[in-house]
């Protein structure tokens, strides 16, 4: 469970065994969002959105993510 876990995203990823290339899915009430981790720093995780709801996202740059707003789990 990542929702309401206010530790830094990189720490949560390392604890869960999530690394660069891992795809995660989470839903904040507006349909599932799928992200792919692109980089892990000491505290920051960068990820790009692959899809939101039922729509594929054509282009999104990687950005810093917090994991505390929804429960994230690996895809597949």
C-alpha atoms as a PDB file:
ATOM      1  CA  UNK A   1       0.000   0.000   0.000  1.00  0.00           C
ATOM      2  CA  UNK A   2       1.478   3.315  -1.022  1.00  0.00           C
ATOM      3  CA  UNK A   3      -1.490   5.594  -0.378  1.00  0.00           C
ATOM      4  CA  UNK A   4      -0.813   7.914   2.549  1.00  0.00           C
ATOM      5  CA  UNK A   5       2.817   6.735   2.729  1.00  0.00           C
ATOM      6  CA  UNK A   6       4.592  10.082   2.745  1.00  0.00           C
ATOM      7  CA  UNK A   7       8.132   8.743   2.496  1.00  0.00           C
ATOM      8  CA  UNK A   8      10.088   9.766  -0.580  1.00  0.00           C
ATOM      9  CA  UNK A   9       9.064   7.865  -3.706  1.00  0.00           C
ATOM     10  CA  UNK A  10      12.556   6.464  -4.352  1.00  0.00           C
ATOM     11  CA  UNK A  11      12.635   4.895  -0.890  1.00  0.00           C
ATOM     12  CA  UNK A  12       9.249   3.234  -1.454  1.00  0.00           C
ATOM     13  CA  UNK A  13      10.390   1.942  -4.856  1.00  0.00           C
ATOM     14  CA  UNK A  14      13.556   0.417  -3.436  1.00  0.00           C
ATOM     15  CA  UNK A  15      11.584  -1.213  -0.612  1.00  0.00           C
ATOM     16  CA  UNK A  16       9.101  -2.701  -3.114  1.00  0.00           C
ATOM     17  CA  UNK A  17      11.821  -3.831  -5.538  1.00  0.00           C
ATOM     18  CA  UNK A  18      10.588  -1.434  -8.236  1.00  0.00           C
ATOM     19  CA  UNK A  19      13.341  -0.196 -10.544  1.00  0.00           C
ATOM     20  CA  UNK A  20      13.810   1.592 -13.844  1.00  0.00           C
ATOM     21  CA  UNK A  21      11.435   0.103 -16.410  1.00  0.00           C
ATOM     22  CA  UNK A  22       8.860  -1.064 -13.845  1.00  0.00           C
ATOM     23  CA  UNK A  23       5.286  -0.170 -14.811  1.00  0.00           C
ATOM     24  CA  UNK A  24       2.870   0.753 -12.040  1.00  0.00           C
ATOM     25  CA  UNK A  25      -0.890   1.252 -12.062  1.00  0.00           C
ATOM     26  CA  UNK A  26      -2.919   3.312  -9.613  1.00  0.00           C
ATOM     27  CA  UNK A  27      -6.356   4.912  -9.542  1.00  0.00           C
ATOM     28  CA  UNK A  28      -7.188   8.199  -7.792  1.00  0.00           C
ATOM     29  CA  UNK A  29     -10.873   7.934  -8.701  1.00  0.00           C
ATOM     30  CA  UNK A  30     -10.653   9.086 -12.323  1.00  0.00           C
ATOM     31  CA  UNK A  31      -9.703   5.798 -13.939  1.00  0.00           C
ATOM     32  CA  UNK A  32      -6.402   3.936 -13.723  1.00  0.00           C
ATOM     33  CA  UNK A  33      -3.140   5.654 -14.556  1.00  0.00           C
ATOM     34  CA  UNK A  34      -0.195   3.570 -15.760  1.00  0.00           C
ATOM     35  CA  UNK A  35       3.301   4.981 -15.304  1.00  0.00           C
ATOM     36  CA  UNK A  36       6.753   3.644 -16.122  1.00  0.00           C
ATOM     37  CA  UNK A  37       9.681   4.410 -13.830  1.00  0.00           C
ATOM     38  CA  UNK A  38      12.466   6.078 -15.810  1.00  0.00           C
ATOM     39  CA  UNK A  39      14.931   7.035 -13.049  1.00  0.00           C
ATOM     40  CA  UNK A  40      15.499   6.611  -9.311  1.00  0.00           C
ATOM     41  CA  UNK A  41      17.579   9.038  -7.308  1.00  0.00           C
ATOM     42  CA  UNK A  42      18.276   9.143  -3.602  1.00  0.00           C
ATOM     43  CA  UNK A  43      14.832  10.610  -2.889  1.00  0.00           C
ATOM     44  CA  UNK A  44      13.133  11.275  -6.236  1.00  0.00           C
ATOM     45  CA  UNK A  45      11.503   8.885  -8.681  1.00  0.00           C
ATOM     46  CA  UNK A  46      10.945   9.995 -12.281  1.00  0.00           C
ATOM     47  CA  UNK A  47       8.252   8.328 -14.345  1.00  0.00           C
ATOM     48  CA  UNK A  48       6.332   8.899 -17.549  1.00  0.00           C
ATOM     49  CA  UNK A  49       2.610   8.340 -18.027  1.00  0.00           C
ATOM     50  CA  UNK A  50       1.802   5.491 -20.410  1.00  0.00           C
ATOM     51  CA  UNK A  51      -1.991   5.715 -20.142  1.00  0.00           C
ATOM     52  CA  UNK A  52      -4.686   7.449 -18.161  1.00  0.00           C
ATOM     53  CA  UNK A  53      -8.169   6.001 -17.948  1.00  0.00           C
ATOM     54  CA  UNK A  54      -8.806   4.162 -21.164  1.00  0.00           C
ATOM     55  CA  UNK A  55      -6.674   6.472 -23.259  1.00  0.00           C
ATOM     56  CA  UNK A  56      -3.076   5.829 -24.260  1.00  0.00           C
ATOM     57  CA  UNK A  57      -0.863   8.867 -23.850  1.00  0.00           C
ATOM     58  CA  UNK A  58       1.024   9.695 -27.028  1.00  0.00           C
ATOM     59  CA  UNK A  59       3.792  11.779 -25.470  1.00  0.00           C
ATOM     60  CA  UNK A  60       4.731  12.650 -21.948  1.00  0.00           C
ATOM     61  CA  UNK A  61       8.071  13.641 -20.540  1.00  0.00           C
ATOM     62  CA  UNK A  62       9.238  11.974 -17.360  1.00  0.00           C
ATOM     63  CA  UNK A  63       8.461  13.917 -14.224  1.00  0.00           C
ATOM     64  CA  UNK A  64       8.869  13.500 -10.473  1.00  0.00           C
ATOM     65  CA  UNK A  65       6.084  11.503  -8.823  1.00  0.00           C
ATOM     66  CA  UNK A  66       4.790  11.125  -5.300  1.00  0.00           C
ATOM     67  CA  UNK A  67       3.313   7.721  -4.549  1.00  0.00           C
ATOM     68  CA  UNK A  68       1.165   8.831  -1.598  1.00  0.00           C
ATOM     69  CA  UNK A  69      -2.009   9.899  -3.443  1.00  0.00           C
ATOM     70  CA  UNK A  70      -3.056   6.436  -4.626  1.00  0.00           C
ATOM     71  CA  UNK A  71      -2.239   2.795  -4.092  1.00  0.00           C
ATOM     72  CA  UNK A  72       0.257   1.738  -6.743  1.00  0.00           C
ATOM     73  CA  UNK A  73       0.949  -1.844  -7.797  1.00  0.00           C
ATOM     74  CA  UNK A  74       2.987  -3.391 -10.570  1.00  0.00           C
ATOM     75  CA  UNK A  75       1.310  -4.018 -13.913  1.00  0.00           C
ATOM     76  CA  UNK A  76       0.946  -7.647 -14.905  1.00  0.00           C
END
